Amino acid sequence: MGKQATVTAKIPAELKGRLARLGVNVSGMIREALEREVKRVERERLRELAEEAGEILQKIPAEELVQVVREGREER
């Protein structure tokens, strides 16, 4: 896992008590939730970038795109 950092959060005491009574691994739960959120935000940003790229590509004539692809293939 490599180096780790400590993250601190304040939660209501009642919630902490309920989590303890239920035997919830809070550290593991928080780690998993943070990993899910990072993946969700990364996917959203990639989607936004793909949309921007699509808008840019729509401005380029199809014939020009075809020519660039063919030239790229010929260089290989």
C-alpha atoms as a PDB file:
ATOM      1  CA  MET A   1       0.000   0.000   0.000  1.00  0.00           C
ATOM      2  CA  GLY A   2       2.957   2.314   0.397  1.00  0.00           C
ATOM      3  CA  LYS A   3       3.084   5.404   2.539  1.00  0.00           C
ATOM      4  CA  GLN A   4      -0.071   6.306   4.379  1.00  0.00           C
ATOM      5  CA  ALA A   5      -1.502   9.571   5.670  1.00  0.00           C
ATOM      6  CA  THR A   6      -3.843  10.154   8.565  1.00  0.00           C
ATOM      7  CA  VAL A   7      -7.237  11.725   7.930  1.00  0.00           C
ATOM      8  CA  THR A   8      -9.286  13.041  10.826  1.00  0.00           C
ATOM      9  CA  ALA A   9     -13.039  13.630  10.833  1.00  0.00           C
ATOM     10  CA  LYS A  10     -15.454  14.640  13.563  1.00  0.00           C
ATOM     11  CA  ILE A  11     -18.684  12.683  13.809  1.00  0.00           C
ATOM     12  CA  PRO A  12     -21.474  12.750  16.385  1.00  0.00           C
ATOM     13  CA  ALA A  13     -20.663  10.684  19.481  1.00  0.00           C
ATOM     14  CA  GLU A  14     -23.940   8.804  19.071  1.00  0.00           C
ATOM     15  CA  LEU A  15     -22.901   7.675  15.584  1.00  0.00           C
ATOM     16  CA  LYS A  16     -19.485   6.580  16.856  1.00  0.00           C
ATOM     17  CA  GLY A  17     -21.200   4.530  19.557  1.00  0.00           C
ATOM     18  CA  ARG A  18     -23.527   2.869  17.068  1.00  0.00           C
ATOM     19  CA  LEU A  19     -20.606   2.013  14.790  1.00  0.00           C
ATOM     20  CA  ALA A  20     -18.688   0.504  17.717  1.00  0.00           C
ATOM     21  CA  ARG A  21     -21.696  -1.543  18.879  1.00  0.00           C
ATOM     22  CA  LEU A  22     -22.131  -2.900  15.361  1.00  0.00           C
ATOM     23  CA  GLY A  23     -18.430  -3.755  15.075  1.00  0.00           C
ATOM     24  CA  VAL A  24     -17.983  -1.630  11.956  1.00  0.00           C
ATOM     25  CA  ASN A  25     -14.410  -1.248  10.751  1.00  0.00           C
ATOM     26  CA  VAL A  26     -14.582   2.536  10.426  1.00  0.00           C
ATOM     27  CA  SER A  27     -11.067   2.898   9.030  1.00  0.00           C
ATOM     28  CA  GLY A  28     -11.746   0.343   6.302  1.00  0.00           C
ATOM     29  CA  MET A  29     -15.142   1.842   5.532  1.00  0.00           C
ATOM     30  CA  ILE A  30     -13.702   5.338   5.174  1.00  0.00           C
ATOM     31  CA  ARG A  31     -10.827   4.069   3.012  1.00  0.00           C
ATOM     32  CA  GLU A  32     -13.253   2.274   0.678  1.00  0.00           C
ATOM     33  CA  ALA A  33     -15.603   5.275   0.509  1.00  0.00           C
ATOM     34  CA  LEU A  34     -12.718   7.609  -0.343  1.00  0.00           C
ATOM     35  CA  GLU A  35     -11.445   5.240  -3.035  1.00  0.00           C
ATOM     36  CA  ARG A  36     -14.950   5.028  -4.567  1.00  0.00           C
ATOM     37  CA  GLU A  37     -15.296   8.812  -4.535  1.00  0.00           C
ATOM     38  CA  VAL A  38     -11.897   9.332  -6.168  1.00  0.00           C
ATOM     39  CA  LYS A  39     -12.812   6.851  -8.924  1.00  0.00           C
ATOM     40  CA  ARG A  40     -16.199   8.553  -9.421  1.00  0.00           C
ATOM     41  CA  VAL A  41     -14.620  12.018  -9.718  1.00  0.00           C
ATOM     42  CA  GLU A  42     -11.906  10.702 -12.070  1.00  0.00           C
ATOM     43  CA  ARG A  43     -14.563   9.106 -14.319  1.00  0.00           C
ATOM     44  CA  GLU A  44     -16.578  12.343 -14.326  1.00  0.00           C
ATOM     45  CA  ARG A  45     -13.522  14.409 -15.288  1.00  0.00           C
ATOM     46  CA  LEU A  46     -12.644  11.956 -18.072  1.00  0.00           C
ATOM     47  CA  ARG A  47     -16.231  12.163 -19.345  1.00  0.00           C
ATOM     48  CA  GLU A  48     -16.010  15.970 -19.376  1.00  0.00           C
ATOM     49  CA  LEU A  49     -12.685  15.855 -21.234  1.00  0.00           C
ATOM     50  CA  ALA A  50     -14.116  13.406 -23.769  1.00  0.00           C
ATOM     51  CA  GLU A  51     -17.059  15.731 -24.367  1.00  0.00           C
ATOM     52  CA  GLU A  52     -14.692  18.670 -24.880  1.00  0.00           C
ATOM     53  CA  ALA A  53     -12.576  16.617 -27.284  1.00  0.00           C
ATOM     54  CA  GLY A  54     -15.723  15.603 -29.164  1.00  0.00           C
ATOM     55  CA  GLU A  55     -16.781  19.230 -29.521  1.00  0.00           C
ATOM     56  CA  ILE A  56     -13.346  20.133 -30.863  1.00  0.00           C
ATOM     57  CA  LEU A  57     -13.298  17.203 -33.285  1.00  0.00           C
ATOM     58  CA  GLN A  58     -16.744  18.138 -34.637  1.00  0.00           C
ATOM     59  CA  LYS A  59     -15.253  21.425 -35.829  1.00  0.00           C
ATOM     60  CA  ILE A  60     -12.709  19.586 -37.999  1.00  0.00           C
ATOM     61  CA  PRO A  61     -13.948  18.484 -41.439  1.00  0.00           C
ATOM     62  CA  ALA A  62     -14.328  14.689 -41.718  1.00  0.00           C
ATOM     63  CA  GLU A  63     -12.089  14.564 -44.788  1.00  0.00           C
ATOM     64  CA  GLU A  64      -9.263  16.170 -42.832  1.00  0.00           C
ATOM     65  CA  LEU A  65      -9.608  13.631 -39.999  1.00  0.00           C
ATOM     66  CA  VAL A  66      -9.577  10.753 -42.485  1.00  0.00           C
ATOM     67  CA  GLN A  67      -6.434  12.136 -44.107  1.00  0.00           C
ATOM     68  CA  VAL A  68      -4.636  12.476 -40.759  1.00  0.00           C
ATOM     69  CA  VAL A  69      -5.561   8.903 -39.768  1.00  0.00           C
ATOM     70  CA  ARG A  70      -4.340   7.541 -43.104  1.00  0.00           C
ATOM     71  CA  GLU A  71      -1.072   9.421 -42.808  1.00  0.00           C
ATOM     72  CA  GLY A  72      -0.608   8.051 -39.315  1.00  0.00           C
ATOM     73  CA  ARG A  73      -1.143   4.514 -40.528  1.00  0.00           C
ATOM     74  CA  GLU A  74       1.293   4.968 -43.401  1.00  0.00           C
ATOM     75  CA  GLU A  75       4.017   6.144 -41.018  1.00  0.00           C
ATOM     76  CA  ARG A  76       3.964   2.833 -39.166  1.00  0.00           C
END
